Amino acid sequence: MKEIEVKILEIDKEKIIKKLESFGAKKIFDDDIISYFFDFPDNALEKKQMLFRLRSKGTSGELTLKKKISKEKAKINEETEVSVSDIVVMKKIIEALGMKTKYNHTKHRVSYLLGNVRFEIDTFKEIPTFLEIEADSIKTLHIWAVKLGFSKKDLKPWSERDLMQHYGKEKFK
């Protein structure tokens, strides 16, 4: 499945939530997410522009493999994802295969869904809150950004790693 998304930095969280709810968006998640990012010791996945992530989202878990397609107007990845019932056991399996945790982090996420568009409001302790919009096309991303009061220049086709580097957070480099 293709993942098409952008980030908008330093948002007013409450203002965005009010706007989303006024458009009829439904809150579908409000909890912490703990993510672990893995690669082989020789960084084989990173060299292939791939990302391998295990994360817990509240009471559920997921394992995700992403392959970068583009970072021009939006971050576009080929994404394969599966639910995981036991994060601890899955982490042990991944490590037994020879992969290492490259970095991990915790964030708080509030997610809204409107049709097939997801709006993720993410808060890390070390950086300002940001909005991520995920849709089925770049055009749809732009339409919703404008509806929320942003312009195309506000849209960043960034990964979380790019975001952390923007704010000078070394653990993501």
Foldseek 3Di string as FASTA:
>chain_A
DKWWKWKFPQDDVVLLVVLCVVVPWDWDAWFKKKKFWKAAPVRVQVVQQKIWMWMDGVQWIKTKIWGFDDFDLATMTDMDMDTDNDRVVVVVVVVVVRMDGLFMAMWTWIWIDDPQKIWIWIGGPQGHIMIMIIDPDSVVNQVVCVSSPHHSVSIGNDDVLVVCVVVPNPSSD
